[in-house]
Amino acid sequence: LYKNFWCRYLCPYGALLGILARFSPFKIRRSREKCTHCCACTNHCPALIDVEKTKIVKSEECLGCLTCVSRCPAGGALDLTVGSKTKHTVVRPWLFPVFIVALFYIVIGIGMMNGKWHSQIPYAEYQRLIPEVNKEYAGR
């Protein structure tokens, strides 16, 4: 068939990543002036995106792994940026995962502050119910 067929066309996790990539404020931008057209970015991209031929990587298939940025031998040819098409700022690549982890903890914190994080089921009830679930699955 096709290389990465499952990941590109059928995987639900890939679809979720595609939706997140579409609305992400982070984009990978290629400087045409600094690019040497060595194709290292394209050759190392696990999503098989043709990075070398784009100005801004907008593909829903982009995983945000930044492999293309790290493999580029031409300094400044590929940059992680945040902002709009006309006004954007170059961001250090290590800030991307820091931002994602911070966002994760912020969402959890908001859930805890609103009282939506903890279940209404008491711990003793969990202790009583969990062995019953295991018995039901063992009987199948």
C-alpha atoms as a PDB file:
ATOM      1  CA  LEU A   1       0.000   0.000   0.000  1.00  0.00           C
ATOM      2  CA  TYR A   2       1.306   3.415   1.026  1.00  0.00           C
ATOM      3  CA  LYS A   3       4.001   4.297   3.530  1.00  0.00           C
ATOM      4  CA  ASN A   4       2.421   5.248   6.893  1.00  0.00           C
ATOM      5  CA  PHE A   5      -1.058   4.472   5.492  1.00  0.00           C
ATOM      6  CA  TRP A   6      -2.625   3.844   8.909  1.00  0.00           C
ATOM      7  CA  CYS A   7      -1.086   6.941  10.491  1.00  0.00           C
ATOM      8  CA  ARG A   8      -1.941   9.248   7.594  1.00  0.00           C
ATOM      9  CA  TYR A   9      -5.490   8.157   6.778  1.00  0.00           C
ATOM     10  CA  LEU A  10      -7.071   6.000   9.500  1.00  0.00           C
ATOM     11  CA  CYS A  11      -5.580   6.742  12.932  1.00  0.00           C
ATOM     12  CA  PRO A  12      -7.988   8.648  15.233  1.00  0.00           C
ATOM     13  CA  TYR A  13      -5.066  10.014  17.261  1.00  0.00           C
ATOM     14  CA  GLY A  14      -3.576  11.395  14.050  1.00  0.00           C
ATOM     15  CA  ALA A  15      -6.913  13.075  13.303  1.00  0.00           C
ATOM     16  CA  LEU A  16      -6.871  14.711  16.739  1.00  0.00           C
ATOM     17  CA  LEU A  17      -3.310  15.917  16.179  1.00  0.00           C
ATOM     18  CA  GLY A  18      -4.388  17.299  12.810  1.00  0.00           C
ATOM     19  CA  ILE A  19      -7.181  19.324  14.388  1.00  0.00           C
ATOM     20  CA  LEU A  20      -4.820  20.648  17.055  1.00  0.00           C
ATOM     21  CA  ALA A  21      -2.204  21.496  14.424  1.00  0.00           C
ATOM     22  CA  ARG A  22      -4.768  23.436  12.403  1.00  0.00           C
ATOM     23  CA  PHE A  23      -5.564  25.735  15.354  1.00  0.00           C
ATOM     24  CA  SER A  24      -2.102  25.858  16.925  1.00  0.00           C
ATOM     25  CA  PRO A  25      -0.493  29.286  17.316  1.00  0.00           C
ATOM     26  CA  PHE A  26       2.875  27.618  16.650  1.00  0.00           C
ATOM     27  CA  LYS A  27       4.066  27.211  13.060  1.00  0.00           C
ATOM     28  CA  ILE A  28       7.334  26.136  11.441  1.00  0.00           C
ATOM     29  CA  ARG A  29       8.488  28.752   8.936  1.00  0.00           C
ATOM     30  CA  ARG A  30      11.175  28.338   6.291  1.00  0.00           C
ATOM     31  CA  SER A  31      13.353  31.253   5.232  1.00  0.00           C
ATOM     32  CA  ARG A  32      13.836  31.069   1.466  1.00  0.00           C
ATOM     33  CA  GLU A  33      16.946  33.229   1.740  1.00  0.00           C
ATOM     34  CA  LYS A  34      18.709  31.022   4.304  1.00  0.00           C
ATOM     35  CA  CYS A  35      17.559  27.642   2.940  1.00  0.00           C
ATOM     36  CA  THR A  36      20.265  25.732   1.056  1.00  0.00           C
ATOM     37  CA  HIS A  37      17.743  23.259  -0.475  1.00  0.00           C
ATOM     38  CA  CYS A  38      19.644  20.293   0.963  1.00  0.00           C
ATOM     39  CA  CYS A  39      16.313  18.507   1.718  1.00  0.00           C
ATOM     40  CA  ALA A  40      17.499  17.371   5.176  1.00  0.00           C
ATOM     41  CA  CYS A  41      14.257  18.672   6.692  1.00  0.00           C
ATOM     42  CA  THR A  42      12.078  16.757   4.227  1.00  0.00           C
ATOM     43  CA  ASN A  43      14.174  13.574   4.401  1.00  0.00           C
ATOM     44  CA  HIS A  44      13.976  13.395   8.208  1.00  0.00           C
ATOM     45  CA  CYS A  45      10.307  14.359   8.622  1.00  0.00           C
ATOM     46  CA  PRO A  46       8.473  11.350  10.154  1.00  0.00           C
ATOM     47  CA  ALA A  47       5.161  12.612   8.682  1.00  0.00           C
ATOM     48  CA  LEU A  48       6.665  12.747   5.163  1.00  0.00           C
ATOM     49  CA  ILE A  49       5.884  16.462   4.763  1.00  0.00           C
ATOM     50  CA  ASP A  50       7.739  18.218   1.957  1.00  0.00           C
ATOM     51  CA  VAL A  51       9.111  20.911   4.287  1.00  0.00           C
ATOM     52  CA  GLU A  52      11.766  22.055   1.813  1.00  0.00           C
ATOM     53  CA  LYS A  53       9.128  23.335  -0.621  1.00  0.00           C
ATOM     54  CA  THR A  54       6.880  25.226   1.808  1.00  0.00           C
ATOM     55  CA  LYS A  55       7.143  28.646   3.395  1.00  0.00           C
ATOM     56  CA  ILE A  56       4.961  27.741   6.386  1.00  0.00           C
ATOM     57  CA  VAL A  57       4.316  24.137   7.439  1.00  0.00           C
ATOM     58  CA  LYS A  58       0.504  24.125   7.627  1.00  0.00           C
ATOM     59  CA  SER A  59      -0.074  20.429   7.118  1.00  0.00           C
ATOM     60  CA  GLU A  60      -2.492  18.645   9.421  1.00  0.00           C
ATOM     61  CA  GLU A  61      -0.042  15.761   9.268  1.00  0.00           C
ATOM     62  CA  CYS A  62       2.645  17.741  11.128  1.00  0.00           C
ATOM     63  CA  LEU A  63       3.237  16.163  14.537  1.00  0.00           C
ATOM     64  CA  GLY A  64       5.090  19.159  15.945  1.00  0.00           C
ATOM     65  CA  CYS A  65       8.131  16.992  16.678  1.00  0.00           C
ATOM     66  CA  LEU A  66      10.520  19.689  15.361  1.00  0.00           C
ATOM     67  CA  THR A  67      12.772  17.063  13.752  1.00  0.00           C
ATOM     68  CA  CYS A  68      12.965  19.201  10.620  1.00  0.00           C
ATOM     69  CA  VAL A  69      14.176  22.191  12.659  1.00  0.00           C
ATOM     70  CA  SER A  70      16.802  20.177  14.536  1.00  0.00           C
ATOM     71  CA  ARG A  71      18.112  18.426  11.389  1.00  0.00           C
ATOM     72  CA  CYS A  72      18.432  21.578   9.287  1.00  0.00           C
ATOM     73  CA  PRO A  73      22.151  22.361   8.771  1.00  0.00           C
ATOM     74  CA  ALA A  74      21.454  25.957   7.676  1.00  0.00           C
ATOM     75  CA  GLY A  75      21.070  28.010  10.843  1.00  0.00           C
ATOM     76  CA  GLY A  76      17.856  30.026  10.856  1.00  0.00           C
ATOM     77  CA  ALA A  77      16.447  28.446   7.702  1.00  0.00           C
ATOM     78  CA  LEU A  78      13.710  26.731   9.728  1.00  0.00           C
ATOM     79  CA  ASP A  79      12.262  28.363  12.823  1.00  0.00           C
ATOM     80  CA  LEU A  80       9.437  27.637  15.204  1.00  0.00           C
ATOM     81  CA  THR A  81       7.289  30.765  15.340  1.00  0.00           C
ATOM     82  CA  VAL A  82       4.189  32.001  17.109  1.00  0.00           C
ATOM     83  CA  GLY A  83       1.848  34.644  15.737  1.00  0.00           C
ATOM     84  CA  SER A  84       0.074  35.524  12.513  1.00  0.00           C
ATOM     85  CA  LYS A  85       1.281  35.379   8.916  1.00  0.00           C
ATOM     86  CA  THR A  86       2.293  39.023   8.907  1.00  0.00           C
ATOM     87  CA  LYS A  87       3.526  39.439  12.480  1.00  0.00           C
ATOM     88  CA  HIS A  88       5.236  36.513  14.151  1.00  0.00           C
ATOM     89  CA  THR A  89       8.004  35.879  16.653  1.00  0.00           C
ATOM     90  CA  VAL A  90      10.689  33.194  16.526  1.00  0.00           C
ATOM     91  CA  VAL A  91      10.459  30.900  19.542  1.00  0.00           C
ATOM     92  CA  ARG A  92      13.164  28.624  20.910  1.00  0.00           C
ATOM     93  CA  PRO A  93      12.187  24.992  20.185  1.00  0.00           C
ATOM     94  CA  TRP A  94      12.364  23.922  23.847  1.00  0.00           C
ATOM     95  CA  LEU A  95       9.523  26.366  24.652  1.00  0.00           C
ATOM     96  CA  PHE A  96       7.030  24.318  22.614  1.00  0.00           C
ATOM     97  CA  PRO A  97       6.970  21.266  24.946  1.00  0.00           C
ATOM     98  CA  VAL A  98       7.148  23.569  27.984  1.00  0.00           C
ATOM     99  CA  PHE A  99       4.052  25.373  26.680  1.00  0.00           C
ATOM    100  CA  ILE A 100       2.191  22.080  26.128  1.00  0.00           C
ATOM    101  CA  VAL A 101       3.008  20.784  29.632  1.00  0.00           C
ATOM    102  CA  ALA A 102       2.067  24.147  31.190  1.00  0.00           C
ATOM    103  CA  LEU A 103      -1.238  24.132  29.298  1.00  0.00           C
ATOM    104  CA  PHE A 104      -1.907  20.600  30.562  1.00  0.00           C
ATOM    105  CA  TYR A 105      -1.348  21.636  34.188  1.00  0.00           C
ATOM    106  CA  ILE A 106      -3.407  24.807  33.766  1.00  0.00           C
ATOM    107  CA  VAL A 107      -6.388  22.780  32.528  1.00  0.00           C
ATOM    108  CA  ILE A 108      -6.035  20.370  35.471  1.00  0.00           C
ATOM    109  CA  GLY A 109      -5.716  23.307  37.892  1.00  0.00           C
ATOM    110  CA  ILE A 110      -8.857  24.955  36.527  1.00  0.00           C
ATOM    111  CA  GLY A 111     -10.713  21.657  36.895  1.00  0.00           C
ATOM    112  CA  MET A 112      -9.550  21.311  40.500  1.00  0.00           C
ATOM    113  CA  MET A 113     -10.451  24.909  41.385  1.00  0.00           C
ATOM    114  CA  ASN A 114     -13.948  24.477  39.924  1.00  0.00           C
ATOM    115  CA  GLY A 115     -14.515  21.248  41.835  1.00  0.00           C
ATOM    116  CA  LYS A 116     -14.879  19.230  38.627  1.00  0.00           C
ATOM    117  CA  TRP A 117     -11.706  17.182  39.054  1.00  0.00           C
ATOM    118  CA  HIS A 118     -12.661  14.915  41.950  1.00  0.00           C
ATOM    119  CA  SER A 119     -15.418  12.343  41.633  1.00  0.00           C
ATOM    120  CA  GLN A 120     -18.481  12.375  43.880  1.00  0.00           C
ATOM    121  CA  ILE A 121     -17.992   8.651  44.503  1.00  0.00           C
ATOM    122  CA  PRO A 122     -16.307   8.055  47.878  1.00  0.00           C
ATOM    123  CA  TYR A 123     -13.065   6.077  48.023  1.00  0.00           C
ATOM    124  CA  ALA A 124     -14.746   3.270  50.016  1.00  0.00           C
ATOM    125  CA  GLU A 125     -17.230   2.806  47.170  1.00  0.00           C
ATOM    126  CA  TYR A 126     -14.356   2.418  44.683  1.00  0.00           C
ATOM    127  CA  GLN A 127     -12.781  -0.209  46.946  1.00  0.00           C
ATOM    128  CA  ARG A 128     -16.054  -2.128  46.964  1.00  0.00           C
ATOM    129  CA  LEU A 129     -16.769  -1.862  43.211  1.00  0.00           C
ATOM    130  CA  ILE A 130     -13.363  -2.536  41.640  1.00  0.00           C
ATOM    131  CA  PRO A 131     -13.108  -6.193  42.773  1.00  0.00           C
ATOM    132  CA  GLU A 132     -16.594  -6.747  41.311  1.00  0.00           C
ATOM    133  CA  VAL A 133     -15.444  -5.450  37.913  1.00  0.00           C
ATOM    134  CA  ASN A 134     -12.444  -7.769  37.980  1.00  0.00           C
ATOM    135  CA  LYS A 135     -14.693 -10.749  38.816  1.00  0.00           C
ATOM    136  CA  GLU A 136     -17.002  -9.904  35.924  1.00  0.00           C
ATOM    137  CA  TYR A 137     -14.118  -9.783  33.429  1.00  0.00           C
ATOM    138  CA  ALA A 138     -12.543 -12.965  34.829  1.00  0.00           C
ATOM    139  CA  GLY A 139     -15.810 -14.836  34.257  1.00  0.00           C
ATOM    140  CA  ARG A 140     -15.834 -14.125  30.518  1.00  0.00           C
END
